[in-house]
Amino acid sequence: MALLEYLPDESALKMALQGREGDWPEWMQILAGIHEQSALFYSWRYGQDEAQVFLSPKARWEHHLKQAEEEQDAEDALDEIDGWFE
């Protein structure tokens, strides 16, 4: 138990014990929010539409699932269109 106590906050066990479900600790979420705001400000300042931001593991997984769903929807639409010409 003593070894488990000193695991990093980013470890899977600590995330599960704290109920974060794969998300960053609070201090890292705050830093990511500050980074996102400053990145968006500087991209706006230099006339860019997008800024590169860091996604938490949980947000990255949700983004991955959304992309997979959109790709599947696109494939289904193409299959349906191909069926029209058969």
Protein backbone atom coordinates (compact mmCIF):
# COMPACT_ATOMS: atom_id res chain seq x y z
CA MET A 1 0.00 0.00 0.00
CA ALA A 2 2.91 2.36 0.72
CA LEU A 3 4.14 2.04 -2.87
CA LEU A 4 0.69 2.79 -4.26
CA GLU A 5 0.42 5.95 -2.18
CA TYR A 6 3.37 7.54 -3.97
CA LEU A 7 2.25 6.82 -7.52
CA PRO A 8 2.00 9.92 -9.72
CA ASP A 9 -1.40 11.62 -9.92
CA GLU A 10 -1.48 10.79 -13.65
CA SER A 11 -1.35 7.02 -13.02
CA ALA A 12 -4.39 4.96 -13.96
CA LEU A 13 -4.85 3.72 -10.39
CA LYS A 14 -4.89 7.21 -8.88
CA MET A 15 -7.28 8.46 -11.56
CA ALA A 16 -9.65 5.58 -10.83
CA LEU A 17 -9.42 6.04 -7.05
CA GLN A 18 -10.13 9.77 -7.33
CA GLY A 19 -13.03 9.24 -9.75
CA ARG A 20 -11.44 11.23 -12.57
CA GLU A 21 -12.12 8.53 -15.19
CA GLY A 22 -9.01 9.15 -17.25
CA ASP A 23 -8.87 12.91 -16.86
CA TRP A 24 -5.99 15.11 -15.71
CA PRO A 25 -5.67 16.29 -12.11
CA GLU A 26 -7.22 19.67 -11.37
CA TRP A 27 -3.96 21.64 -11.49
CA MET A 28 -3.16 20.26 -14.94
CA GLN A 29 -6.67 21.09 -16.18
CA ILE A 30 -6.16 24.67 -14.99
CA LEU A 31 -2.83 24.91 -16.83
CA ALA A 32 -4.38 23.46 -19.97
CA GLY A 33 -7.20 26.02 -19.78
CA ILE A 34 -4.70 28.89 -19.41
CA HIS A 35 -2.71 27.53 -22.35
CA GLU A 36 -5.84 27.20 -24.48
CA GLN A 37 -6.91 30.78 -23.80
CA SER A 38 -3.48 32.22 -24.54
CA ALA A 39 -3.12 30.09 -27.70
CA LEU A 40 -6.53 31.25 -28.94
CA PHE A 41 -5.66 34.86 -28.17
CA TYR A 42 -2.36 34.74 -30.07
CA SER A 43 -3.90 32.92 -33.02
CA TRP A 44 -6.63 35.56 -33.18
CA ARG A 45 -4.04 38.31 -32.85
CA TYR A 46 -2.11 37.00 -35.86
CA GLY A 47 -5.20 36.34 -37.97
CA GLN A 48 -5.35 32.57 -37.68
CA ASP A 49 -8.60 30.69 -37.26
CA GLU A 50 -7.30 27.78 -35.20
CA ALA A 51 -4.84 27.23 -32.39
CA GLN A 52 -3.13 24.06 -31.27
CA VAL A 53 -4.27 23.10 -27.79
CA PHE A 54 -3.58 20.15 -25.53
CA LEU A 55 -6.40 17.68 -24.95
CA SER A 56 -6.70 15.65 -21.78
CA PRO A 57 -6.68 11.87 -22.22
CA LYS A 58 -10.44 11.82 -21.64
CA ALA A 59 -11.09 14.61 -24.18
CA ARG A 60 -8.71 12.96 -26.67
CA TRP A 61 -10.64 9.69 -26.36
CA GLU A 62 -13.98 11.47 -26.86
CA HIS A 63 -12.56 13.25 -29.92
CA HIS A 64 -11.34 9.91 -31.29
CA LEU A 65 -14.79 8.34 -30.82
CA LYS A 66 -16.46 11.32 -32.51
CA GLN A 67 -14.09 11.08 -35.50
CA ALA A 68 -14.71 7.33 -35.79
CA GLU A 69 -18.46 7.93 -35.72
CA GLU A 70 -18.21 10.63 -38.40
CA GLU A 71 -16.07 8.37 -40.60
CA GLN A 72 -18.59 5.55 -40.20
CA ASP A 73 -21.43 7.91 -41.09
CA ALA A 74 -19.53 9.00 -44.21
CA GLU A 75 -18.88 5.38 -45.21
CA ASP A 76 -22.56 4.52 -44.69
CA ALA A 77 -23.59 7.48 -46.86
CA LEU A 78 -21.20 6.42 -49.63
CA ASP A 79 -22.50 2.83 -49.47
CA GLU A 80 -26.05 4.13 -49.77
CA ILE A 81 -25.15 6.30 -52.77
CA ASP A 82 -23.37 3.34 -54.41
CA GLY A 83 -26.55 1.34 -53.94
CA TRP A 84 -28.49 3.85 -56.02
CA PHE A 85 -26.43 3.10 -59.11
CA GLU A 86 -26.53 -0.67 -58.93
